[in-house]
Each structure stands twice: as structure tokens, then as C-alpha cells.
C-alpha atoms as a PDB file:
ATOM      1  CA  MET A   1     -65.789 163.830  55.744  1.00  0.00           C
ATOM      2  CA  LYS A   2     -62.071 163.020  55.869  1.00  0.00           C
ATOM      3  CA  TYR A   3     -59.888 165.198  53.676  1.00  0.00           C
ATOM      4  CA  LEU A   4     -56.501 164.436  52.130  1.00  0.00           C
ATOM      5  CA  ASN A   5     -53.839 167.122  52.010  1.00  0.00           C
ATOM      6  CA  SER A   6     -51.728 168.098  48.997  1.00  0.00           C
ATOM      7  CA  LYS A   7     -48.785 165.928  50.074  1.00  0.00           C
ATOM      8  CA  GLU A   8     -50.955 162.827  50.365  1.00  0.00           C
ATOM      9  CA  VAL A   9     -52.615 163.378  46.980  1.00  0.00           C
ATOM     10  CA  SER A  10     -49.349 164.197  45.188  1.00  0.00           C
ATOM     11  CA  ASP A  11     -47.878 160.962  46.604  1.00  0.00           C
ATOM     12  CA  ILE A  12     -50.875 158.919  45.451  1.00  0.00           C
ATOM     13  CA  ILE A  13     -50.912 160.338  41.921  1.00  0.00           C
ATOM     14  CA  GLY A  14     -47.132 160.449  41.594  1.00  0.00           C
ATOM     15  CA  ILE A  15     -46.564 164.152  40.930  1.00  0.00           C
ATOM     16  CA  ASN A  16     -44.929 166.994  42.833  1.00  0.00           C
ATOM     17  CA  ILE A  17     -46.944 169.503  44.846  1.00  0.00           C
ATOM     18  CA  SER A  18     -46.338 172.401  42.431  1.00  0.00           C
ATOM     19  CA  THR A  19     -47.817 170.321  39.583  1.00  0.00           C
ATOM     20  CA  LEU A  20     -50.778 169.420  41.778  1.00  0.00           C
ATOM     21  CA  LYS A  21     -51.328 173.127  42.519  1.00  0.00           C
ATOM     22  CA  ARG A  22     -51.312 173.884  38.789  1.00  0.00           C
ATOM     23  CA  TRP A  23     -53.738 171.036  38.113  1.00  0.00           C
ATOM     24  CA  THR A  24     -56.199 172.317  40.720  1.00  0.00           C
ATOM     25  CA  ASP A  25     -56.008 175.783  39.171  1.00  0.00           C
ATOM     26  CA  ASN A  26     -56.736 174.517  35.651  1.00  0.00           C
ATOM     27  CA  GLY A  27     -59.436 172.047  36.732  1.00  0.00           C
ATOM     28  CA  THR A  28     -57.528 168.819  36.061  1.00  0.00           C
ATOM     29  CA  ILE A  29     -58.371 167.694  39.589  1.00  0.00           C
ATOM     30  CA  GLY A  30     -60.995 169.087  41.920  1.00  0.00           C
ATOM     31  CA  CYS A  31     -60.397 170.214  45.491  1.00  0.00           C
ATOM     32  CA  HIS A  32     -61.862 172.226  48.318  1.00  0.00           C
ATOM     33  CA  LYS A  33     -60.113 175.410  49.397  1.00  0.00           C
ATOM     34  CA  THR A  34     -60.237 176.570  52.998  1.00  0.00           C
ATOM     35  CA  ALA A  35     -60.705 180.207  53.964  1.00  0.00           C
ATOM     36  CA  GLY A  36     -56.925 180.349  54.375  1.00  0.00           C
ATOM     37  CA  GLY A  37     -56.353 179.092  50.831  1.00  0.00           C
ATOM     38  CA  HIS A  38     -55.265 175.542  51.751  1.00  0.00           C
ATOM     39  CA  ARG A  39     -56.240 172.799  49.315  1.00  0.00           C
ATOM     40  CA  LYS A  40     -58.144 169.831  50.730  1.00  0.00           C
ATOM     41  CA  PHE A  41     -59.073 166.766  48.679  1.00  0.00           C
ATOM     42  CA  THR A  42     -61.571 163.941  49.082  1.00  0.00           C
ATOM     43  CA  MET A  43     -61.131 160.398  47.811  1.00  0.00           C
ATOM     44  CA  GLN A  44     -63.886 161.264  45.337  1.00  0.00           C
ATOM     45  CA  ASN A  45     -61.722 164.071  43.898  1.00  0.00           C
ATOM     46  CA  VAL A  46     -58.915 161.579  43.231  1.00  0.00           C
ATOM     47  CA  ARG A  47     -61.356 158.973  41.915  1.00  0.00           C
ATOM     48  CA  GLU A  48     -62.816 161.496  39.460  1.00  0.00           C
ATOM     49  CA  TYR A  49     -59.298 162.471  38.350  1.00  0.00           C
ATOM     50  CA  TYR A  50     -58.497 158.861  37.433  1.00  0.00           C
ATOM     51  CA  SER A  51     -61.912 158.450  35.795  1.00  0.00           C
ATOM     52  CA  SER A  52     -61.316 161.397  33.439  1.00  0.00           C
ATOM     53  CA  ASN A  53     -57.609 160.678  32.874  1.00  0.00           C
ATOM     54  CA  LYS A  54     -57.427 157.016  31.877  1.00  0.00           C
ATOM     55  CA  LYS A  55     -53.697 157.095  31.082  1.00  0.00           C
ATOM     56  CA  ALA A  56     -52.943 158.336  34.590  1.00  0.00           C
ATOM     57  CA  SER A  57     -53.895 154.959  36.041  1.00  0.00           C
ATOM     58  CA  LYS A  58     -50.940 153.416  34.246  1.00  0.00           C
ATOM     59  CA  SER A  59     -48.428 155.670  35.968  1.00  0.00           C
ATOM     60  CA  GLU A  60     -45.855 153.862  38.081  1.00  0.00           C
ATOM     61  CA  ASN A  61     -44.479 157.036  39.663  1.00  0.00           C
ATOM     62  CA  VAL A  62     -45.722 156.304  43.169  1.00  0.00           C
ATOM     63  CA  VAL A  63     -43.454 158.074  45.644  1.00  0.00           C
ATOM     64  CA  LEU A  64     -44.985 157.099  48.983  1.00  0.00           C
ATOM     65  CA  GLU A  65     -42.544 157.040  51.887  1.00  0.00           C
ATOM     66  CA  ASN A  66     -44.033 153.744  53.139  1.00  0.00           C
ATOM     67  CA  PHE A  67     -42.518 151.083  50.862  1.00  0.00           C
ATOM     68  CA  GLU A  68     -45.278 148.571  51.598  1.00  0.00           C
ATOM     69  CA  HIS A  69     -47.910 151.102  50.577  1.00  0.00           C
ATOM     70  CA  LYS A  70     -45.950 151.877  47.435  1.00  0.00           C
ATOM     71  CA  LYS A  71     -46.171 148.183  46.511  1.00  0.00           C
ATOM     72  CA  ILE A  72     -49.903 148.256  47.191  1.00  0.00           C
ATOM     73  CA  PHE A  73     -50.467 151.163  44.796  1.00  0.00           C
ATOM     74  CA  GLU A  74     -48.388 149.388  42.167  1.00  0.00           C
ATOM     75  CA  LEU A  75     -50.655 146.330  42.523  1.00  0.00           C
ATOM     76  CA  ILE A  76     -53.724 148.566  42.237  1.00  0.00           C
ATOM     77  CA  LYS A  77     -52.431 150.242  39.089  1.00  0.00           C
ATOM     78  CA  LYS A  78     -51.596 146.851  37.562  1.00  0.00           C
ATOM     79  CA  GLY A  79     -55.058 145.535  38.459  1.00  0.00           C
ATOM     80  CA  ASN A  80     -53.631 142.647  40.513  1.00  0.00           C
ATOM     81  CA  LEU A  81     -56.716 142.353  42.696  1.00  0.00           C
ATOM     82  CA  SER A  82     -56.099 138.754  43.773  1.00  0.00           C
ATOM     83  CA  GLU A  83     -52.787 139.702  45.377  1.00  0.00           C
ATOM     84  CA  LEU A  84     -54.462 142.687  47.027  1.00  0.00           C
ATOM     85  CA  SER A  85     -57.018 140.368  48.665  1.00  0.00           C
ATOM     86  CA  TYR A  86     -54.189 138.395  50.316  1.00  0.00           C
ATOM     87  CA  LYS A  87     -52.504 141.593  51.459  1.00  0.00           C
ATOM     88  CA  LEU A  88     -55.825 142.819  52.849  1.00  0.00           C
ATOM     89  CA  ALA A  89     -56.281 139.602  54.838  1.00  0.00           C
ATOM     90  CA  ASP A  90     -52.701 139.655  56.161  1.00  0.00           C
ATOM     91  CA  ALA A  91     -52.898 143.327  57.143  1.00  0.00           C
ATOM     92  CA  SER A  92     -56.231 142.863  58.939  1.00  0.00           C
ATOM     93  CA  ILE A  93     -54.916 139.820  60.839  1.00  0.00           C
ATOM     94  CA  GLU A  94     -51.893 141.886  61.903  1.00  0.00           C
ATOM     95  CA  SER A  95     -54.255 144.730  62.915  1.00  0.00           C
ATOM     96  CA  ASP A  96     -52.449 146.989  60.448  1.00  0.00           C
ATOM     97  CA  GLU A  97     -55.305 149.430  59.906  1.00  0.00           C
ATOM     98  CA  ALA A  98     -53.212 151.856  57.843  1.00  0.00           C
ATOM     99  CA  THR A  99     -52.514 149.186  55.214  1.00  0.00           C
ATOM    100  CA  VAL A 100     -56.130 147.955  55.182  1.00  0.00           C
ATOM    101  CA  LYS A 101     -57.315 151.536  54.603  1.00  0.00           C
ATOM    102  CA  THR A 102     -54.664 152.058  51.905  1.00  0.00           C
ATOM    103  CA  ILE A 103     -55.829 148.966  49.997  1.00  0.00           C
ATOM    104  CA  ILE A 104     -59.529 149.858  50.145  1.00  0.00           C
ATOM    105  CA  SER A 105     -59.338 153.633  49.757  1.00  0.00           C
ATOM    106  CA  GLY A 106     -56.465 153.391  47.246  1.00  0.00           C
ATOM    107  CA  SER A 107     -58.460 151.024  45.035  1.00  0.00           C
ATOM    108  CA  TYR A 108     -61.470 153.318  45.287  1.00  0.00           C
ATOM    109  CA  MET A 109     -59.477 156.441  44.427  1.00  0.00           C
ATOM    110  CA  ASN A 110     -57.969 154.654  41.432  1.00  0.00           C
ATOM    111  CA  ASN A 111     -61.499 154.318  40.044  1.00  0.00           C
ATOM    112  CA  ILE A 112     -62.005 150.616  40.666  1.00  0.00           C
ATOM    113  CA  ASP A 113     -65.776 150.018  40.731  1.00  0.00           C
ATOM    114  CA  VAL A 114     -67.042 149.413  44.258  1.00  0.00           C
ATOM    115  CA  GLU A 115     -68.691 146.131  43.219  1.00  0.00           C
ATOM    116  CA  THR A 116     -65.380 144.924  41.719  1.00  0.00           C
ATOM    117  CA  LEU A 117     -63.497 146.034  44.827  1.00  0.00           C
ATOM    118  CA  PHE A 118     -65.882 144.070  47.036  1.00  0.00           C
ATOM    119  CA  ASP A 119     -66.105 140.933  44.865  1.00  0.00           C
ATOM    120  CA  GLN A 120     -62.405 140.628  44.071  1.00  0.00           C
ATOM    121  CA  VAL A 121     -60.622 142.165  47.065  1.00  0.00           C
ATOM    122  CA  VAL A 122     -62.723 142.685  50.201  1.00  0.00           C
ATOM    123  CA  ASP A 123     -64.907 139.555  50.113  1.00  0.00           C
ATOM    124  CA  PRO A 124     -62.017 137.211  49.130  1.00  0.00           C
ATOM    125  CA  GLY A 125     -59.834 138.828  51.810  1.00  0.00           C
ATOM    126  CA  SER A 126     -62.532 138.226  54.390  1.00  0.00           C
ATOM    127  CA  MET A 127     -62.857 134.586  53.266  1.00  0.00           C
ATOM    128  CA  ILE A 128     -59.084 134.105  53.669  1.00  0.00           C
ATOM    129  CA  VAL A 129     -59.541 135.192  57.296  1.00  0.00           C
ATOM    130  CA  GLU A 130     -62.466 132.756  57.621  1.00  0.00           C
ATOM    131  CA  LYS A 131     -60.328 129.916  56.242  1.00  0.00           C
ATOM    132  CA  ALA A 132     -57.590 130.713  58.774  1.00  0.00           C
ATOM    133  CA  LEU A 133     -60.232 130.506  61.505  1.00  0.00           C
ATOM    134  CA  HIS A 134     -61.503 127.144  60.198  1.00  0.00           C
ATOM    135  CA  GLU A 135     -57.975 125.733  60.097  1.00  0.00           C
ATOM    136  CA  GLY A 136     -57.177 126.852  63.630  1.00  0.00           C
ATOM    137  CA  TYR A 137     -54.614 129.524  62.776  1.00  0.00           C
ATOM    138  CA  LEU A 138     -56.829 132.225  64.303  1.00  0.00           C
ATOM    139  CA  SER A 139     -59.061 132.383  67.345  1.00  0.00           C
ATOM    140  CA  HIS A 140     -62.612 133.691  67.037  1.00  0.00           C
ATOM    141  CA  THR A 141     -61.552 136.881  68.789  1.00  0.00           C
ATOM    142  CA  GLU A 142     -58.724 137.450  66.295  1.00  0.00           C
ATOM    143  CA  ALA A 143     -61.090 136.838  63.378  1.00  0.00           C
ATOM    144  CA  PHE A 144     -63.628 139.302  64.837  1.00  0.00           C
ATOM    145  CA  ILE A 145     -60.920 141.960  65.197  1.00  0.00           C
ATOM    146  CA  SER A 146     -59.747 141.347  61.624  1.00  0.00           C
ATOM    147  CA  ARG A 147     -63.241 141.671  60.142  1.00  0.00           C
ATOM    148  CA  LYS A 148     -64.004 144.770  62.187  1.00  0.00           C
ATOM    149  CA  ILE A 149     -60.898 146.498  60.808  1.00  0.00           C
ATOM    150  CA  ILE A 150     -61.945 145.621  57.232  1.00  0.00           C
ATOM    151  CA  THR A 151     -65.509 146.766  57.951  1.00  0.00           C
ATOM    152  CA  ARG A 152     -64.413 150.158  59.299  1.00  0.00           C
ATOM    153  CA  ALA A 153     -62.262 150.819  56.242  1.00  0.00           C
ATOM    154  CA  THR A 154     -65.089 149.756  53.910  1.00  0.00           C
ATOM    155  CA  GLU A 155     -67.644 151.875  55.742  1.00  0.00           C
ATOM    156  CA  SER A 156     -65.550 154.992  55.104  1.00  0.00           C
ATOM    157  CA  LEU A 157     -66.537 154.770  51.412  1.00  0.00           C
ATOM    158  CA  ASN A 158     -70.037 155.852  52.447  1.00  0.00           C
ATOM    159  CA  ASP A 159     -68.654 159.266  53.402  1.00  0.00           C
ATOM    160  CA  HIS A 160     -68.404 160.178  49.720  1.00  0.00           C
ATOM    161  CA  LYS A 161     -72.089 159.541  48.992  1.00  0.00           C
ATOM    162  CA  PRO A 162     -73.871 161.008  52.030  1.00  0.00           C
ATOM    163  CA  ASN A 163     -77.604 160.843  52.578  1.00  0.00           C
ATOM    164  CA  GLY A 164     -79.540 163.885  51.493  1.00  0.00           C
ATOM    165  CA  SER A 165     -77.784 164.543  48.210  1.00  0.00           C
ATOM    166  CA  LEU A 166     -78.797 161.518  46.171  1.00  0.00           C
ATOM    167  CA  ASN A 167     -81.715 160.474  43.942  1.00  0.00           C
ATOM    168  CA  GLY A 168     -84.595 160.696  46.414  1.00  0.00           C
ATOM    169  CA  LYS A 169     -85.017 156.921  46.864  1.00  0.00           C
ATOM    170  CA  TYR A 170     -84.633 155.335  50.287  1.00  0.00           C
ATOM    171  CA  ALA A 171     -83.310 151.899  51.241  1.00  0.00           C
ATOM    172  CA  LEU A 172     -83.139 150.007  54.527  1.00  0.00           C
ATOM    173  CA  CYS A 173     -80.225 147.585  54.991  1.00  0.00           C
ATOM    174  CA  VAL A 174     -81.040 144.899  57.540  1.00  0.00           C
ATOM    175  CA  ASN A 175     -78.692 142.840  59.681  1.00  0.00           C
ATOM    176  CA  PHE A 176     -80.193 140.246  62.001  1.00  0.00           C
ATOM    177  CA  GLU A 177     -80.633 140.285  65.782  1.00  0.00           C
ATOM    178  CA  ASP A 178     -78.302 137.323  66.337  1.00  0.00           C
ATOM    179  CA  ASN A 179     -75.829 138.229  63.583  1.00  0.00           C
ATOM    180  CA  LEU A 180     -72.455 139.679  64.577  1.00  0.00           C
ATOM    181  CA  PRO A 181     -70.606 140.314  61.266  1.00  0.00           C
ATOM    182  CA  ASP A 182     -71.986 143.285  59.349  1.00  0.00           C
ATOM    183  CA  LEU A 183     -69.428 143.589  56.538  1.00  0.00           C
ATOM    184  CA  GLY A 184     -71.915 142.291  53.953  1.00  0.00           C
ATOM    185  CA  VAL A 185     -74.517 144.827  55.086  1.00  0.00           C
ATOM    186  CA  VAL A 186     -71.950 147.645  54.920  1.00  0.00           C
ATOM    187  CA  MET A 187     -70.864 146.635  51.406  1.00  0.00           C
ATOM    188  CA  SER A 188     -74.538 146.538  50.372  1.00  0.00           C
ATOM    189  CA  GLU A 189     -74.977 150.042  51.765  1.00  0.00           C
ATOM    190  CA  VAL A 190     -71.976 151.320  49.789  1.00  0.00           C
ATOM    191  CA  ILE A 191     -73.368 149.835  46.554  1.00  0.00           C
ATOM    192  CA  LEU A 192     -76.787 151.384  47.162  1.00  0.00           C
ATOM    193  CA  ARG A 193     -75.367 154.817  47.964  1.00  0.00           C
ATOM    194  CA  HIS A 194     -73.277 154.725  44.787  1.00  0.00           C
ATOM    195  CA  LYS A 195     -76.447 153.868  42.856  1.00  0.00           C
ATOM    196  CA  GLY A 196     -78.119 156.975  44.243  1.00  0.00           C
ATOM    197  CA  TYR A 197     -80.042 155.699  47.266  1.00  0.00           C
ATOM    198  CA  ASN A 198     -80.279 157.328  50.663  1.00  0.00           C
ATOM    199  CA  VAL A 199     -79.571 154.399  52.988  1.00  0.00           C
ATOM    200  CA  PHE A 200     -80.448 153.494  56.581  1.00  0.00           C
ATOM    201  CA  ASN A 201     -78.360 150.656  58.064  1.00  0.00           C
ATOM    202  CA  THR A 202     -79.593 148.791  61.151  1.00  0.00           C
ATOM    203  CA  GLY A 203     -76.098 147.592  62.102  1.00  0.00           C
ATOM    204  CA  SER A 204     -75.450 144.496  64.235  1.00  0.00           C
ATOM    205  CA  HIS A 205     -77.834 143.010  66.794  1.00  0.00           C
ATOM    206  CA  ALA A 206     -80.697 145.263  65.690  1.00  0.00           C
ATOM    207  CA  GLU A 207     -84.147 144.721  67.183  1.00  0.00           C
ATOM    208  CA  LEU A 208     -86.278 145.901  64.293  1.00  0.00           C
ATOM    209  CA  GLY A 209     -89.413 146.515  66.344  1.00  0.00           C
ATOM    210  CA  ASP A 210     -92.309 148.086  64.418  1.00  0.00           C
ATOM    211  CA  LEU A 211     -90.836 147.762  60.933  1.00  0.00           C
ATOM    212  CA  GLU A 212     -94.068 148.897  59.268  1.00  0.00           C
ATOM    213  CA  LYS A 213     -93.781 152.210  61.106  1.00  0.00           C
ATOM    214  CA  VAL A 214     -90.102 152.543  60.142  1.00  0.00           C
ATOM    215  CA  ILE A 215     -90.854 151.905  56.456  1.00  0.00           C
ATOM    216  CA  LYS A 216     -93.631 154.480  56.521  1.00  0.00           C
ATOM    217  CA  ASN A 217     -91.720 157.168  58.466  1.00  0.00           C
ATOM    218  CA  LYS A 218     -88.490 156.773  56.485  1.00  0.00           C
ATOM    219  CA  LYS A 219     -90.328 156.441  53.157  1.00  0.00           C
ATOM    220  CA  ILE A 220     -88.473 153.223  52.350  1.00  0.00           C
ATOM    221  CA  ASP A 221     -88.528 152.044  48.714  1.00  0.00           C
ATOM    222  CA  LEU A 222     -86.240 149.029  49.117  1.00  0.00           C
ATOM    223  CA  VAL A 223     -85.277 146.593  51.887  1.00  0.00           C
ATOM    224  CA  VAL A 224     -81.987 144.711  51.532  1.00  0.00           C
ATOM    225  CA  PHE A 225     -81.071 141.753  53.761  1.00  0.00           C
ATOM    226  CA  TYR A 226     -77.605 140.265  53.992  1.00  0.00           C
ATOM    227  CA  LEU A 227     -76.804 136.985  55.706  1.00  0.00           C
ATOM    228  CA  CYS A 228     -73.432 135.255  55.449  1.00  0.00           C
ATOM    229  CA  ASN A 229     -72.647 131.650  56.415  1.00  0.00           C
ATOM    230  CA  MET A 230     -69.470 132.283  58.434  1.00  0.00           C
ATOM    231  CA  GLN A 231     -68.721 130.672  61.800  1.00  0.00           C
ATOM    232  CA  CYS A 232     -69.414 133.882  63.710  1.00  0.00           C
ATOM    233  CA  CYS A 233     -72.883 134.273  62.200  1.00  0.00           C
ATOM    234  CA  MET A 234     -75.112 133.277  65.130  1.00  0.00           C
ATOM    235  CA  SER A 235     -78.271 133.820  63.062  1.00  0.00           C
ATOM    236  CA  ILE A 236     -77.808 130.428  61.395  1.00  0.00           C
ATOM    237  CA  VAL A 237     -76.765 128.439  64.470  1.00  0.00           C
ATOM    238  CA  GLY A 238     -79.025 126.047  66.403  1.00  0.00           C
ATOM    239  CA  ASP A 239     -82.495 127.350  67.187  1.00  0.00           C
ATOM    240  CA  ASN A 240     -81.580 130.792  65.836  1.00  0.00           C
ATOM    241  CA  ILE A 241     -81.937 129.590  62.247  1.00  0.00           C
ATOM    242  CA  ASN A 242     -85.699 129.105  62.650  1.00  0.00           C
ATOM    243  CA  LYS A 243     -85.990 132.458  64.415  1.00  0.00           C
ATOM    244  CA  THR A 244     -84.109 134.135  61.546  1.00  0.00           C
ATOM    245  CA  ALA A 245     -86.305 132.419  58.947  1.00  0.00           C
ATOM    246  CA  LYS A 246     -89.451 133.645  60.725  1.00  0.00           C
ATOM    247  CA  GLN A 247     -87.984 137.152  60.939  1.00  0.00           C
ATOM    248  CA  VAL A 248     -87.253 137.172  57.195  1.00  0.00           C
ATOM    249  CA  THR A 249     -90.743 135.901  56.373  1.00  0.00           C
ATOM    250  CA  SER A 250     -92.323 138.568  58.584  1.00  0.00           C
ATOM    251  CA  ILE A 251     -90.279 141.387  57.071  1.00  0.00           C
ATOM    252  CA  PHE A 252     -90.986 140.118  53.558  1.00  0.00           C
ATOM    253  CA  GLU A 253     -94.741 140.019  54.236  1.00  0.00           C
ATOM    254  CA  ILE A 254     -94.681 143.563  55.671  1.00  0.00           C
ATOM    255  CA  SER A 255     -92.675 144.804  52.677  1.00  0.00           C
ATOM    256  CA  GLU A 256     -95.072 143.179  50.222  1.00  0.00           C
ATOM    257  CA  LYS A 257     -98.040 144.694  52.037  1.00  0.00           C
ATOM    258  CA  MET A 258     -96.458 148.145  51.796  1.00  0.00           C
ATOM    259  CA  LYS A 259     -95.331 147.601  48.180  1.00  0.00           C
ATOM    260  CA  VAL A 260     -91.626 147.820  49.028  1.00  0.00           C
ATOM    261  CA  ASP A 261     -89.036 145.887  46.999  1.00  0.00           C
ATOM    262  CA  VAL A 262     -86.995 143.223  48.828  1.00  0.00           C
ATOM    263  CA  ILE A 263     -83.536 141.905  47.941  1.00  0.00           C
ATOM    264  CA  PHE A 264     -81.752 139.157  49.882  1.00  0.00           C
ATOM    265  CA  GLY A 265     -77.982 138.769  49.686  1.00  0.00           C
ATOM    266  CA  GLY A 266     -75.373 136.331  50.952  1.00  0.00           C
ATOM    267  CA  LEU A 267     -74.923 132.567  51.106  1.00  0.00           C
ATOM    268  CA  GLY A 268     -76.917 132.367  54.334  1.00  0.00           C
ATOM    269  CA  ILE A 269     -80.182 132.294  52.391  1.00  0.00           C
ATOM    270  CA  GLU A 270     -79.402 128.719  51.328  1.00  0.00           C
ATOM    271  CA  LEU A 271     -79.509 127.648  54.989  1.00  0.00           C
ATOM    272  CA  LEU A 272     -82.910 129.146  55.813  1.00  0.00           C
ATOM    273  CA  PRO A 273     -85.862 126.779  55.314  1.00  0.00           C
ATOM    274  CA  ASN A 274     -88.273 127.792  52.519  1.00  0.00           C
ATOM    275  CA  ILE A 275     -86.844 131.318  52.193  1.00  0.00           C
ATOM    276  CA  SER A 276     -84.969 130.881  48.896  1.00  0.00           C
ATOM    277  CA  ASN A 277     -88.300 130.072  47.202  1.00  0.00           C
ATOM    278  CA  THR A 278     -90.027 133.079  48.773  1.00  0.00           C
ATOM    279  CA  ILE A 279     -87.824 135.964  47.638  1.00  0.00           C
ATOM    280  CA  SER A 280     -87.159 136.262  43.921  1.00  0.00           C
ATOM    281  CA  LYS A 281     -84.445 138.943  43.999  1.00  0.00           C
ATOM    282  CA  THR A 282     -81.270 137.506  45.503  1.00  0.00           C
ATOM    283  CA  PHE A 283     -77.555 138.081  45.093  1.00  0.00           C
ATOM    284  CA  ILE A 284     -74.289 136.421  46.013  1.00  0.00           C
ATOM    285  CA  THR A 285     -71.877 138.845  44.365  1.00  0.00           C
ATOM    286  CA  PHE A 286     -72.052 142.605  44.641  1.00  0.00           C
ATOM    287  CA  LYS A 287     -71.963 142.843  40.867  1.00  0.00           C
ATOM    288  CA  GLU A 288     -75.330 141.050  40.975  1.00  0.00           C
ATOM    289  CA  LEU A 289     -76.642 143.529  43.563  1.00  0.00           C
ATOM    290  CA  ASN A 290     -75.433 146.430  41.400  1.00  0.00           C
ATOM    291  CA  LYS A 291     -77.501 145.045  38.495  1.00  0.00           C
ATOM    292  CA  LEU A 292     -80.581 144.467  40.655  1.00  0.00           C
ATOM    293  CA  VAL A 293     -80.729 148.100  41.780  1.00  0.00           C
END
């Protein structure tokens, strides 16, 4: 798990280090102390601070040395999520990983719900990249790089809800053999972990093999698919679309046989023949997924 130091946290909250030290001593904000007495913080510590101190989120005293990141935290505190989505897209296209991480982790630490973060910042930012690809401003390689940077930053939110310490339920998040982008699957995993599930994620290009054995061995309670309709999604191109539809049907039948719930997410379901009428629990937004689980 990545830790933040006192300087980073004091910059984010907008206080000096001596005040932060006092706040850790009196329990205003949690931290982990090393054997040498150094204070280390997680994003969850900062998130919980904002959750229990509602007025703190209105503070404008951001003192980050990086002026661009200062502007980002001001947008977060003002709740200007639409502008953040454009900044996320621009930063990912420029391969500015530090800014992408600041937008995603900063929003999370400021107690923005993960489903709101995904629906109003990450997903729209990703679609801005997709539009640039459609209009010829980006090559496929540039779009892949951009999405991978966003995915890595999003995946880091899983660190704060690790497997083994949750509610005892188990979920399997499935990406498809011919599907390259896995941002939707990663966002689904984050939602599930924050709802208390232990989650197994197949990642990209996964050959699922004996899924019945996996469900049994991992004690799976829920299977979640995610399929987008972006240009780089090879699962819905040419002959692959029929292969994907057969794969979904097979997994659904196995899940039904083993009495495991199935949820299908993403706009890709609309492109698969006869699938939308097969699975009753579907979602487009992550707010919808949050309600389903």
C-alpha cells in the first residue's frame, strides 16, 4: 500500500505540519506510525478526515508547490467534476501520470463517492479520448497509452480495500479474450471492493478455461462482465462478436447452474445478439452498479 508523508497530507488539506501532528495526536485524522515515530498516511485516512469534517472540504487553503495541481484541488473542492474530466483527458493524452493520479486520488481523498468519480470524471474523460481518436486527433497507440495511464491510476483505489478484510462475499470480474481495454472492469472491481466484496479480476485477454472449477474453488457469489463499445474493443468486431456472445451465454449458463448472480455492464451488451434479453441485471453507469450490489 502506498503511503503519503506528512508534507503531502498537509499540502492536500491546507494546514501546516505542526497542526497535522496535533491532529494525529488528538484523533482528528488517522495515521500509521513507524517504529521510528514517523507518521505515514493512506488516501483512506484523508478520505475519512473529509468524511467526518464536512466543513474542511470547503477550504481553499491548498498550498501545493505544483500550481496545476493546486488548480485541480480547487476544482475538486468546488465540485467542478466536468472540468476535471477534461483535465483528466488532457493529462492522459500528454502522458502526465502525476496529474492523472492527482485528479483521481485527490477526488477520492476528498470523499467523492467512487461511483460519482467514475460516472462524472473518469468515464467522461475516457470518452473525450475516444472522441479524439474518432476525429483523427489521436492514433490508436496514443489512445491506448492514454487509457492505460487512467486505468493504472484508477486501479490504485483498490489498494485501500484489499481482499481478505471485507464482508466474506466473493466476486469475479470478467474481461473478454479479445478485449483490450479493461478500465470498465477495473472500475467495477473498485465499486465491488468498496461494497465489501473480495474481488478477482481476470484482466485483459483472459482465457477463462474451466470457469465452473474457478467459481467453486474461489467460492464466487457474483460474476460481473463489462464490455464497452470503443474502437479498441476487439470483442465486438467482425466474427469476434459472435464468439463473445457465445462466451457470455456459456458463462451465464454456468453461473445459473451454480446459483451465482450475474451482472453485465457497459454499452457493448447492446451489440451482442440476444444477450440483452438473457441477463436481467445490467448497468451503464457505476451508480447503477452500486445499487445492484
